[in-house]
Amino acid sequence: KRHGQGTYTFANGDMYTGMWAQGVKHGPGMYFSAANNSKFHGHWHHGEFRSGDWVANTDVYKGEFEQEKPVADGTYRFLNGNTQRGTYVKKELPLEEEEEADEEEEEK
């Protein structure tokens, strides 16, 4: 199992450079996604990215993450110089049954 500082290149071209513990990303590191040319740079905890920068194209989001998605307070910086600060709140999607019921009500 990987343990300590190291770099690993995945078969799909993605790459992780940073700390490993018991075979998973843990501690400071950087993950590069070859498919969409983005990267996560910050802190990992038991294989999950928890906080730091998400760089997509030329835009940067700095904040906390859960399941590789922004959560809580964070800041977006855009190439044009604009900055957007806010709080991400997970929105629950309705179940299919609820959607169907809504559609039936709209048809009446």
PDB file of N, CA and C in Angstrom:
ATOM      1  N   LYS A   1       0.844  -1.188   0.000  1.00  0.00           N
ATOM      2  CA  LYS A   1       0.000   0.000   0.000  1.00  0.00           C
ATOM      3  C   LYS A   1       0.880   1.239   0.000  1.00  0.00           C
ATOM      4  N   ARG A   2       0.393   2.263  -0.731  1.00  0.00           N
ATOM      5  CA  ARG A   2       1.130   3.522  -0.756  1.00  0.00           C
ATOM      6  C   ARG A   2       1.071   4.176   0.622  1.00  0.00           C
ATOM      7  N   HIS A   3       2.198   4.724   1.045  1.00  0.00           N
ATOM      8  CA  HIS A   3       2.256   5.390   2.339  1.00  0.00           C
ATOM      9  C   HIS A   3       3.393   6.414   2.294  1.00  0.00           C
ATOM     10  N   GLY A   4       3.087   7.657   2.698  1.00  0.00           N
ATOM     11  CA  GLY A   4       4.081   8.715   2.654  1.00  0.00           C
ATOM     12  C   GLY A   4       3.924   9.566   1.405  1.00  0.00           C
ATOM     13  N   GLN A   5       4.916  10.376   1.105  1.00  0.00           N
ATOM     14  CA  GLN A   5       4.910  11.284  -0.048  1.00  0.00           C
ATOM     15  C   GLN A   5       5.111  10.493  -1.334  1.00  0.00           C
ATOM     16  N   GLY A   6       4.325  10.846  -2.366  1.00  0.00           N
ATOM     17  CA  GLY A   6       4.528  10.167  -3.642  1.00  0.00           C
ATOM     18  C   GLY A   6       3.645  10.707  -4.746  1.00  0.00           C
ATOM     19  N   THR A   7       3.914  10.225  -5.956  1.00  0.00           N
ATOM     20  CA  THR A   7       3.145  10.598  -7.141  1.00  0.00           C
ATOM     21  C   THR A   7       2.649   9.329  -7.809  1.00  0.00           C
ATOM     22  N   TYR A   8       1.382   9.348  -8.211  1.00  0.00           N
ATOM     23  CA  TYR A   8       0.807   8.201  -8.906  1.00  0.00           C
ATOM     24  C   TYR A   8       0.060   8.707 -10.133  1.00  0.00           C
ATOM     25  N   THR A   9       0.325   8.100 -11.275  1.00  0.00           N
ATOM     26  CA  THR A   9      -0.389   8.422 -12.512  1.00  0.00           C
ATOM     27  C   THR A   9      -1.344   7.277 -12.813  1.00  0.00           C
ATOM     28  N   PHE A  10      -2.605   7.596 -12.943  1.00  0.00           N
ATOM     29  CA  PHE A  10      -3.647   6.611 -13.196  1.00  0.00           C
ATOM     30  C   PHE A  10      -3.697   6.258 -14.681  1.00  0.00           C
ATOM     31  N   ALA A  11      -4.300   5.124 -15.015  1.00  0.00           N
ATOM     32  CA  ALA A  11      -4.376   4.648 -16.399  1.00  0.00           C
ATOM     33  C   ALA A  11      -5.084   5.648 -17.317  1.00  0.00           C
ATOM     34  N   ASN A  12      -6.026   6.435 -16.770  1.00  0.00           N
ATOM     35  CA  ASN A  12      -6.768   7.404 -17.589  1.00  0.00           C
ATOM     36  C   ASN A  12      -6.030   8.726 -17.769  1.00  0.00           C
ATOM     37  N   GLY A  13      -4.808   8.829 -17.228  1.00  0.00           N
ATOM     38  CA  GLY A  13      -4.015  10.049 -17.362  1.00  0.00           C
ATOM     39  C   GLY A  13      -4.110  10.989 -16.180  1.00  0.00           C
ATOM     40  N   ASP A  14      -5.036  10.740 -15.228  1.00  0.00           N
ATOM     41  CA  ASP A  14      -5.121  11.548 -14.019  1.00  0.00           C
ATOM     42  C   ASP A  14      -3.860  11.325 -13.193  1.00  0.00           C
ATOM     43  N   MET A  15      -3.534  12.296 -12.347  1.00  0.00           N
ATOM     44  CA  MET A  15      -2.328  12.176 -11.544  1.00  0.00           C
ATOM     45  C   MET A  15      -2.558  12.762 -10.148  1.00  0.00           C
ATOM     46  N   TYR A  16      -2.037  12.100  -9.141  1.00  0.00           N
ATOM     47  CA  TYR A  16      -2.069  12.609  -7.769  1.00  0.00           C
ATOM     48  C   TYR A  16      -0.641  12.704  -7.264  1.00  0.00           C
ATOM     49  N   THR A  17      -0.311  13.857  -6.689  1.00  0.00           N
ATOM     50  CA  THR A  17       0.980  14.073  -6.049  1.00  0.00           C
ATOM     51  C   THR A  17       0.707  14.571  -4.645  1.00  0.00           C
ATOM     52  N   GLY A  18       1.216  13.870  -3.649  1.00  0.00           N
ATOM     53  CA  GLY A  18       0.999  14.296  -2.278  1.00  0.00           C
ATOM     54  C   GLY A  18       1.195  13.168  -1.306  1.00  0.00           C
ATOM     55  N   MET A  19       0.535  13.305  -0.175  1.00  0.00           N
ATOM     56  CA  MET A  19       0.673  12.330   0.900  1.00  0.00           C
ATOM     57  C   MET A  19      -0.338  11.201   0.750  1.00  0.00           C
ATOM     58  N   TRP A  20       0.133  10.006   1.124  1.00  0.00           N
ATOM     59  CA  TRP A  20      -0.686   8.798   1.128  1.00  0.00           C
ATOM     60  C   TRP A  20      -0.644   8.203   2.535  1.00  0.00           C
ATOM     61  N   ALA A  21      -1.740   7.535   2.921  1.00  0.00           N
ATOM     62  CA  ALA A  21      -1.763   6.788   4.182  1.00  0.00           C
ATOM     63  C   ALA A  21      -2.604   5.532   3.963  1.00  0.00           C
ATOM     64  N   GLN A  22      -2.015   4.393   4.224  1.00  0.00           N
ATOM     65  CA  GLN A  22      -2.725   3.124   4.076  1.00  0.00           C
ATOM     66  C   GLN A  22      -3.348   2.961   2.687  1.00  0.00           C
ATOM     67  N   GLY A  23      -2.666   3.458   1.656  1.00  0.00           N
ATOM     68  CA  GLY A  23      -3.103   3.279   0.280  1.00  0.00           C
ATOM     69  C   GLY A  23      -4.082   4.302  -0.257  1.00  0.00           C
ATOM     70  N   VAL A  24      -4.453   5.304   0.536  1.00  0.00           N
ATOM     71  CA  VAL A  24      -5.381   6.338   0.058  1.00  0.00           C
ATOM     72  C   VAL A  24      -4.771   7.727   0.240  1.00  0.00           C
ATOM     73  N   LYS A  25      -5.276   8.685  -0.539  1.00  0.00           N
ATOM     74  CA  LYS A  25      -4.822  10.069  -0.428  1.00  0.00           C
ATOM     75  C   LYS A  25      -5.182  10.583   0.969  1.00  0.00           C
ATOM     76  N   HIS A  26      -4.187  11.141   1.669  1.00  0.00           N
ATOM     77  CA  HIS A  26      -4.441  11.609   3.024  1.00  0.00           C
ATOM     78  C   HIS A  26      -3.392  12.663   3.381  1.00  0.00           C
ATOM     79  N   GLY A  27      -3.860  13.901   3.614  1.00  0.00           N
ATOM     80  CA  GLY A  27      -2.943  14.997   3.899  1.00  0.00           C
ATOM     81  C   GLY A  27      -2.881  15.938   2.711  1.00  0.00           C
ATOM     82  N   PRO A  28      -1.859  16.788   2.646  1.00  0.00           N
ATOM     83  CA  PRO A  28      -1.744  17.735   1.532  1.00  0.00           C
ATOM     84  C   PRO A  28      -1.434  17.020   0.217  1.00  0.00           C
ATOM     85  N   GLY A  29      -2.074  17.509  -0.861  1.00  0.00           N
ATOM     86  CA  GLY A  29      -1.813  16.914  -2.167  1.00  0.00           C
ATOM     87  C   GLY A  29      -2.501  17.659  -3.288  1.00  0.00           C
ATOM     88  N   MET A  30      -2.216  17.219  -4.513  1.00  0.00           N
ATOM     89  CA  MET A  30      -2.810  17.810  -5.718  1.00  0.00           C
ATOM     90  C   MET A  30      -3.234  16.692  -6.658  1.00  0.00           C
ATOM     91  N   TYR A  31      -4.500  16.752  -7.102  1.00  0.00           N
ATOM     92  CA  TYR A  31      -5.041  15.774  -8.033  1.00  0.00           C
ATOM     93  C   TYR A  31      -5.350  16.492  -9.332  1.00  0.00           C
ATOM     94  N   PHE A  32      -4.823  15.980 -10.432  1.00  0.00           N
ATOM     95  CA  PHE A  32      -5.058  16.554 -11.760  1.00  0.00           C
ATOM     96  C   PHE A  32      -5.958  15.611 -12.547  1.00  0.00           C
ATOM     97  N   SER A  33      -7.049  16.134 -13.110  1.00  0.00           N
ATOM     98  CA  SER A  33      -7.960  15.364 -13.949  1.00  0.00           C
ATOM     99  C   SER A  33      -7.650  15.646 -15.413  1.00  0.00           C
ATOM    100  N   ALA A  34      -7.190  14.627 -16.118  1.00  0.00           N
ATOM    101  CA  ALA A  34      -6.835  14.791 -17.527  1.00  0.00           C
ATOM    102  C   ALA A  34      -8.070  15.011 -18.402  1.00  0.00           C
ATOM    103  N   ALA A  35      -9.194  14.414 -18.045  1.00  0.00           N
ATOM    104  CA  ALA A  35     -10.407  14.486 -18.866  1.00  0.00           C
ATOM    105  C   ALA A  35     -10.927  15.913 -19.018  1.00  0.00           C
ATOM    106  N   ASN A  36     -10.889  16.694 -17.928  1.00  0.00           N
ATOM    107  CA  ASN A  36     -11.430  18.060 -18.012  1.00  0.00           C
ATOM    108  C   ASN A  36     -10.413  19.131 -17.650  1.00  0.00           C
ATOM    109  N   ASN A  37      -9.145  18.743 -17.569  1.00  0.00           N
ATOM    110  CA  ASN A  37      -8.061  19.693 -17.325  1.00  0.00           C
ATOM    111  C   ASN A  37      -8.295  20.530 -16.060  1.00  0.00           C
ATOM    112  N   SER A  38      -8.799  19.892 -15.016  1.00  0.00           N
ATOM    113  CA  SER A  38      -9.007  20.599 -13.752  1.00  0.00           C
ATOM    114  C   SER A  38      -8.138  19.958 -12.685  1.00  0.00           C
ATOM    115  N   LYS A  39      -8.013  20.659 -11.553  1.00  0.00           N
ATOM    116  CA  LYS A  39      -7.235  20.073 -10.465  1.00  0.00           C
ATOM    117  C   LYS A  39      -7.798  20.483  -9.119  1.00  0.00           C
ATOM    118  N   PHE A  40      -7.577  19.614  -8.143  1.00  0.00           N
ATOM    119  CA  PHE A  40      -7.898  19.858  -6.749  1.00  0.00           C
ATOM    120  C   PHE A  40      -6.572  19.963  -6.021  1.00  0.00           C
ATOM    121  N   HIS A  41      -6.367  21.062  -5.320  1.00  0.00           N
ATOM    122  CA  HIS A  41      -5.108  21.277  -4.601  1.00  0.00           C
ATOM    123  C   HIS A  41      -5.443  21.669  -3.175  1.00  0.00           C
ATOM    124  N   GLY A  42      -5.092  20.799  -2.224  1.00  0.00           N
ATOM    125  CA  GLY A  42      -5.419  21.117  -0.843  1.00  0.00           C
ATOM    126  C   GLY A  42      -5.247  19.925   0.060  1.00  0.00           C
ATOM    127  N   HIS A  43      -6.246  19.691   0.921  1.00  0.00           N
ATOM    128  CA  HIS A  43      -6.139  18.674   1.959  1.00  0.00           C
ATOM    129  C   HIS A  43      -7.107  17.514   1.705  1.00  0.00           C
ATOM    130  N   TRP A  44      -6.584  16.295   1.825  1.00  0.00           N
ATOM    131  CA  TRP A  44      -7.344  15.059   1.643  1.00  0.00           C
ATOM    132  C   TRP A  44      -7.473  14.367   2.994  1.00  0.00           C
ATOM    133  N   HIS A  45      -8.595  13.673   3.186  1.00  0.00           N
ATOM    134  CA  HIS A  45      -8.818  12.932   4.426  1.00  0.00           C
ATOM    135  C   HIS A  45      -9.404  11.563   4.070  1.00  0.00           C
ATOM    136  N   HIS A  46      -8.628  10.527   4.308  1.00  0.00           N
ATOM    137  CA  HIS A  46      -9.049   9.151   4.007  1.00  0.00           C
ATOM    138  C   HIS A  46      -9.593   9.016   2.581  1.00  0.00           C
ATOM    139  N   GLY A  47      -8.877   9.596   1.622  1.00  0.00           N
ATOM    140  CA  GLY A  47      -9.226   9.451   0.209  1.00  0.00           C
ATOM    141  C   GLY A  47     -10.173  10.494  -0.346  1.00  0.00           C
ATOM    142  N   GLU A  48     -10.748  11.354   0.489  1.00  0.00           N
ATOM    143  CA  GLU A  48     -11.680  12.374   0.021  1.00  0.00           C
ATOM    144  C   GLU A  48     -11.058  13.757   0.118  1.00  0.00           C
ATOM    145  N   PHE A  49     -11.274  14.568  -0.935  1.00  0.00           N
ATOM    146  CA  PHE A  49     -10.822  15.959  -0.931  1.00  0.00           C
ATOM    147  C   PHE A  49     -11.717  16.738   0.017  1.00  0.00           C
ATOM    148  N   ARG A  50     -11.129  17.419   1.003  1.00  0.00           N
ATOM    149  CA  ARG A  50     -11.916  18.108   2.027  1.00  0.00           C
ATOM    150  C   ARG A  50     -11.853  19.624   1.964  1.00  0.00           C
ATOM    151  N   SER A  51     -10.678  20.185   1.619  1.00  0.00           N
ATOM    152  CA  SER A  51     -10.584  21.641   1.582  1.00  0.00           C
ATOM    153  C   SER A  51      -9.421  22.069   0.702  1.00  0.00           C
ATOM    154  N   GLY A  52      -9.579  23.244   0.103  1.00  0.00           N
ATOM    155  CA  GLY A  52      -8.517  23.780  -0.735  1.00  0.00           C
ATOM    156  C   GLY A  52      -9.065  24.448  -1.973  1.00  0.00           C
ATOM    157  N   ASP A  53      -8.294  24.378  -3.056  1.00  0.00           N
ATOM    158  CA  ASP A  53      -8.650  25.034  -4.315  1.00  0.00           C
ATOM    159  C   ASP A  53      -9.066  24.007  -5.362  1.00  0.00           C
ATOM    160  N   TRP A  54     -10.140  24.335  -6.077  1.00  0.00           N
ATOM    161  CA  TRP A  54     -10.572  23.557  -7.239  1.00  0.00           C
ATOM    162  C   TRP A  54     -10.379  24.490  -8.422  1.00  0.00           C
ATOM    163  N   VAL A  55      -9.445  24.153  -9.300  1.00  0.00           N
ATOM    164  CA  VAL A  55      -9.127  24.986 -10.454  1.00  0.00           C
ATOM    165  C   VAL A  55      -9.727  24.326 -11.690  1.00  0.00           C
ATOM    166  N   ALA A  56     -10.686  25.002 -12.302  1.00  0.00           N
ATOM    167  CA  ALA A  56     -11.343  24.514 -13.513  1.00  0.00           C
ATOM    168  C   ALA A  56     -11.169  25.575 -14.589  1.00  0.00           C
ATOM    169  N   ASN A  57     -10.466  25.210 -15.641  1.00  0.00           N
ATOM    170  CA  ASN A  57     -10.078  26.165 -16.670  1.00  0.00           C
ATOM    171  C   ASN A  57      -9.245  27.260 -16.010  1.00  0.00           C
ATOM    172  N   THR A  58      -9.766  28.471 -15.944  1.00  0.00           N
ATOM    173  CA  THR A  58      -9.012  29.559 -15.317  1.00  0.00           C
ATOM    174  C   THR A  58      -9.722  30.064 -14.058  1.00  0.00           C
ATOM    175  N   ASP A  59     -10.840  29.440 -13.702  1.00  0.00           N
ATOM    176  CA  ASP A  59     -11.600  29.839 -12.517  1.00  0.00           C
ATOM    177  C   ASP A  59     -11.155  29.010 -11.321  1.00  0.00           C
ATOM    178  N   VAL A  60     -11.191  29.623 -10.141  1.00  0.00           N
ATOM    179  CA  VAL A  60     -10.727  28.943  -8.928  1.00  0.00           C
ATOM    180  C   VAL A  60     -11.793  29.049  -7.848  1.00  0.00           C
ATOM    181  N   TYR A  61     -12.156  27.908  -7.278  1.00  0.00           N
ATOM    182  CA  TYR A  61     -13.043  27.882  -6.121  1.00  0.00           C
ATOM    183  C   TYR A  61     -12.213  27.492  -4.913  1.00  0.00           C
ATOM    184  N   LYS A  62     -12.305  28.256  -3.844  1.00  0.00           N
ATOM    185  CA  LYS A  62     -11.571  27.963  -2.609  1.00  0.00           C
ATOM    186  C   LYS A  62     -12.586  27.763  -1.500  1.00  0.00           C
ATOM    187  N   GLY A  63     -12.499  26.600  -0.847  1.00  0.00           N
ATOM    188  CA  GLY A  63     -13.430  26.336   0.237  1.00  0.00           C
ATOM    189  C   GLY A  63     -13.365  24.900   0.698  1.00  0.00           C
ATOM    190  N   GLU A  64     -14.470  24.458   1.269  1.00  0.00           N
ATOM    191  CA  GLU A  64     -14.579  23.094   1.764  1.00  0.00           C
ATOM    192  C   GLU A  64     -15.343  22.238   0.763  1.00  0.00           C
ATOM    193  N   PHE A  65     -15.092  20.927   0.836  1.00  0.00           N
ATOM    194  CA  PHE A  65     -15.695  20.000  -0.112  1.00  0.00           C
ATOM    195  C   PHE A  65     -16.222  18.770   0.607  1.00  0.00           C
ATOM    196  N   GLU A  66     -17.234  18.154  -0.011  1.00  0.00           N
ATOM    197  CA  GLU A  66     -17.761  16.873   0.445  1.00  0.00           C
ATOM    198  C   GLU A  66     -18.105  16.085  -0.812  1.00  0.00           C
ATOM    199  N   GLN A  67     -17.564  14.897  -0.941  1.00  0.00           N
ATOM    200  CA  GLN A  67     -17.731  14.068  -2.129  1.00  0.00           C
ATOM    201  C   GLN A  67     -17.336  14.842  -3.397  1.00  0.00           C
ATOM    202  N   GLU A  68     -16.228  15.569  -3.277  1.00  0.00           N
ATOM    203  CA  GLU A  68     -15.648  16.369  -4.361  1.00  0.00           C
ATOM    204  C   GLU A  68     -16.583  17.443  -4.909  1.00  0.00           C
ATOM    205  N   LYS A  69     -17.500  17.924  -4.062  1.00  0.00           N
ATOM    206  CA  LYS A  69     -18.402  19.014  -4.422  1.00  0.00           C
ATOM    207  C   LYS A  69     -18.298  20.095  -3.348  1.00  0.00           C
ATOM    208  N   PRO A  70     -18.400  21.373  -3.749  1.00  0.00           N
ATOM    209  CA  PRO A  70     -18.325  22.460  -2.763  1.00  0.00           C
ATOM    210  C   PRO A  70     -19.436  22.351  -1.717  1.00  0.00           C
ATOM    211  N   VAL A  71     -19.084  22.625  -0.469  1.00  0.00           N
ATOM    212  CA  VAL A  71     -20.051  22.707   0.626  1.00  0.00           C
ATOM    213  C   VAL A  71     -19.656  23.871   1.527  1.00  0.00           C
ATOM    214  N   ALA A  72     -20.600  24.369   2.266  1.00  0.00           N
ATOM    215  CA  ALA A  72     -20.357  25.440   3.241  1.00  0.00           C
ATOM    216  C   ALA A  72     -19.882  26.723   2.549  1.00  0.00           C
ATOM    217  N   ASP A  73     -19.125  27.546   3.266  1.00  0.00           N
ATOM    218  CA  ASP A  73     -18.662  28.833   2.741  1.00  0.00           C
ATOM    219  C   ASP A  73     -17.519  28.633   1.752  1.00  0.00           C
ATOM    220  N   GLY A  74     -17.512  29.469   0.709  1.00  0.00           N
ATOM    221  CA  GLY A  74     -16.437  29.389  -0.262  1.00  0.00           C
ATOM    222  C   GLY A  74     -16.388  30.624  -1.141  1.00  0.00           C
ATOM    223  N   THR A  75     -15.342  30.712  -1.953  1.00  0.00           N
ATOM    224  CA  THR A  75     -15.140  31.859  -2.829  1.00  0.00           C
ATOM    225  C   THR A  75     -14.732  31.390  -4.215  1.00  0.00           C
ATOM    226  N   TYR A  76     -15.412  31.906  -5.231  1.00  0.00           N
ATOM    227  CA  TYR A  76     -15.032  31.693  -6.630  1.00  0.00           C
ATOM    228  C   TYR A  76     -14.292  32.933  -7.115  1.00  0.00           C
ATOM    229  N   ARG A  77     -13.163  32.741  -7.772  1.00  0.00           N
ATOM    230  CA  ARG A  77     -12.442  33.833  -8.450  1.00  0.00           C
ATOM    231  C   ARG A  77     -12.446  33.495  -9.937  1.00  0.00           C
ATOM    232  N   PHE A  78     -12.911  34.435 -10.738  1.00  0.00           N
ATOM    233  CA  PHE A  78     -13.020  34.226 -12.171  1.00  0.00           C
ATOM    234  C   PHE A  78     -11.905  34.949 -12.907  1.00  0.00           C
ATOM    235  N   LEU A  79     -11.604  34.483 -14.109  1.00  0.00           N
ATOM    236  CA  LEU A  79     -10.526  35.052 -14.920  1.00  0.00           C
ATOM    237  C   LEU A  79     -10.686  36.565 -15.102  1.00  0.00           C
ATOM    238  N   ASN A  80     -11.926  37.034 -15.244  1.00  0.00           N
ATOM    239  CA  ASN A  80     -12.153  38.467 -15.481  1.00  0.00           C
ATOM    240  C   ASN A  80     -11.965  39.319 -14.229  1.00  0.00           C
ATOM    241  N   GLY A  81     -11.607  38.691 -13.103  1.00  0.00           N
ATOM    242  CA  GLY A  81     -11.363  39.435 -11.874  1.00  0.00           C
ATOM    243  C   GLY A  81     -12.534  39.452 -10.911  1.00  0.00           C
ATOM    244  N   ASN A  82     -13.709  39.023 -11.355  1.00  0.00           N
ATOM    245  CA  ASN A  82     -14.862  38.988 -10.460  1.00  0.00           C
ATOM    246  C   ASN A  82     -14.664  37.933  -9.378  1.00  0.00           C
ATOM    247  N   THR A  83     -15.233  38.209  -8.215  1.00  0.00           N
ATOM    248  CA  THR A  83     -15.194  37.275  -7.095  1.00  0.00           C
ATOM    249  C   THR A  83     -16.612  37.079  -6.597  1.00  0.00           C
ATOM    250  N   GLN A  84     -16.952  35.828  -6.320  1.00  0.00           N
ATOM    251  CA  GLN A  84     -18.277  35.510  -5.788  1.00  0.00           C
ATOM    252  C   GLN A  84     -18.084  34.718  -4.498  1.00  0.00           C
ATOM    253  N   ARG A  85     -18.658  35.252  -3.406  1.00  0.00           N
ATOM    254  CA  ARG A  85     -18.579  34.569  -2.118  1.00  0.00           C
ATOM    255  C   ARG A  85     -19.968  34.091  -1.734  1.00  0.00           C
ATOM    256  N   GLY A  86     -20.015  32.952  -1.083  1.00  0.00           N
ATOM    257  CA  GLY A  86     -21.318  32.458  -0.669  1.00  0.00           C
ATOM    258  C   GLY A  86     -21.222  31.162   0.098  1.00  0.00           C
ATOM    259  N   THR A  87     -22.396  30.622   0.370  1.00  0.00           N
ATOM    260  CA  THR A  87     -22.499  29.368   1.089  1.00  0.00           C
ATOM    261  C   THR A  87     -23.215  28.357   0.205  1.00  0.00           C
ATOM    262  N   TYR A  88     -22.569  27.236  -0.026  1.00  0.00           N
ATOM    263  CA  TYR A  88     -23.193  26.166  -0.790  1.00  0.00           C
ATOM    264  C   TYR A  88     -24.085  25.360   0.139  1.00  0.00           C
ATOM    265  N   VAL A  89     -25.322  25.133  -0.301  1.00  0.00           N
ATOM    266  CA  VAL A  89     -26.270  24.323   0.442  1.00  0.00           C
ATOM    267  C   VAL A  89     -26.729  23.215  -0.497  1.00  0.00           C
ATOM    268  N   LYS A  90     -26.592  21.974  -0.055  1.00  0.00           N
ATOM    269  CA  LYS A  90     -26.998  20.848  -0.878  1.00  0.00           C
ATOM    270  C   LYS A  90     -28.503  20.855  -1.042  1.00  0.00           C
ATOM    271  N   LYS A  91     -28.947  20.770  -2.296  1.00  0.00           N
ATOM    272  CA  LYS A  91     -30.372  20.767  -2.584  1.00  0.00           C
ATOM    273  C   LYS A  91     -30.796  19.336  -2.888  1.00  0.00           C
ATOM    274  N   GLU A  92     -31.788  18.866  -2.162  1.00  0.00           N
ATOM    275  CA  GLU A  92     -32.300  17.524  -2.386  1.00  0.00           C
ATOM    276  C   GLU A  92     -33.221  17.549  -3.600  1.00  0.00           C
ATOM    277  N   LEU A  93     -33.004  16.618  -4.522  1.00  0.00           N
ATOM    278  CA  LEU A  93     -33.865  16.515  -5.685  1.00  0.00           C
ATOM    279  C   LEU A  93     -35.103  15.700  -5.330  1.00  0.00           C
ATOM    280  N   PRO A  94     -36.259  16.069  -5.887  1.00  0.00           N
ATOM    281  CA  PRO A  94     -37.477  15.305  -5.573  1.00  0.00           C
ATOM    282  C   PRO A  94     -37.400  13.903  -6.170  1.00  0.00           C
ATOM    283  N   LEU A  95     -38.106  12.990  -5.534  1.00  0.00           N
ATOM    284  CA  LEU A  95     -38.190  11.630  -6.044  1.00  0.00           C
ATOM    285  C   LEU A  95     -39.014  11.615  -7.329  1.00  0.00           C
ATOM    286  N   GLU A  96     -38.834  10.586  -8.161  1.00  0.00           N
ATOM    287  CA  GLU A  96     -39.569  10.497  -9.431  1.00  0.00           C
ATOM    288  C   GLU A  96     -41.072  10.548  -9.209  1.00  0.00           C
ATOM    289  N   GLU A  97     -41.569   9.885  -8.149  1.00  0.00           N
ATOM    290  CA  GLU A  97     -43.006   9.883  -7.874  1.00  0.00           C
ATOM    291  C   GLU A  97     -43.514  11.300  -7.639  1.00  0.00           C
ATOM    292  N   GLU A  98     -42.761  12.095  -6.909  1.00  0.00           N
ATOM    293  CA  GLU A  98     -43.166  13.469  -6.643  1.00  0.00           C
ATOM    294  C   GLU A  98     -43.172  14.284  -7.929  1.00  0.00           C
ATOM    295  N   GLU A  99     -42.181  14.054  -8.816  1.00  0.00           N
ATOM    296  CA  GLU A  99     -42.121  14.759 -10.086  1.00  0.00           C
ATOM    297  C   GLU A  99     -43.322  14.417 -10.948  1.00  0.00           C
ATOM    298  N   GLU A 100     -43.686  13.131 -10.991  1.00  0.00           N
ATOM    299  CA  GLU A 100     -44.829  12.704 -11.782  1.00  0.00           C
ATOM    300  C   GLU A 100     -46.110  13.337 -11.259  1.00  0.00           C
ATOM    301  N   ALA A 101     -46.262  13.392  -9.938  1.00  0.00           N
ATOM    302  CA  ALA A 101     -47.438  14.008  -9.331  1.00  0.00           C
ATOM    303  C   ALA A 101     -47.516  15.488  -9.678  1.00  0.00           C
ATOM    304  N   ASP A 102     -46.362  16.165  -9.632  1.00  0.00           N
ATOM    305  CA  ASP A 102     -46.295  17.581  -9.998  1.00  0.00           C
ATOM    306  C   ASP A 102     -46.711  17.794 -11.447  1.00  0.00           C
ATOM    307  N   GLU A 103     -46.240  16.923 -12.346  1.00  0.00           N
ATOM    308  CA  GLU A 103     -46.563  17.034 -13.773  1.00  0.00           C
ATOM    309  C   GLU A 103     -48.054  16.814 -13.994  1.00  0.00           C
ATOM    310  N   GLU A 104     -48.655  15.861 -13.283  1.00  0.00           N
ATOM    311  CA  GLU A 104     -50.084  15.599 -13.410  1.00  0.00           C
ATOM    312  C   GLU A 104     -50.891  16.802 -12.952  1.00  0.00           C
ATOM    313  N   GLU A 105     -50.473  17.448 -11.872  1.00  0.00           N
ATOM    314  CA  GLU A 105     -51.157  18.629 -11.365  1.00  0.00           C
ATOM    315  C   GLU A 105     -51.084  19.772 -12.375  1.00  0.00           C
ATOM    316  N   GLU A 106     -49.951  19.919 -13.045  1.00  0.00           N
ATOM    317  CA  GLU A 106     -49.779  20.986 -14.035  1.00  0.00           C
ATOM    318  C   GLU A 106     -50.669  20.755 -15.237  1.00  0.00           C
ATOM    319  N   GLU A 107     -50.931  19.495 -15.602  1.00  0.00           N
ATOM    320  CA  GLU A 107     -51.752  19.184 -16.771  1.00  0.00           C
ATOM    321  C   GLU A 107     -53.216  19.488 -16.522  1.00  0.00           C
ATOM    322  N   LYS A 108     -53.668  19.497 -15.264  1.00  0.00           N
ATOM    323  CA  LYS A 108     -55.091  19.713 -14.937  1.00  0.00           C
ATOM    324  C   LYS A 108     -55.503  21.133 -15.134  1.00  0.00           C
TER     325      LYS A 108
END
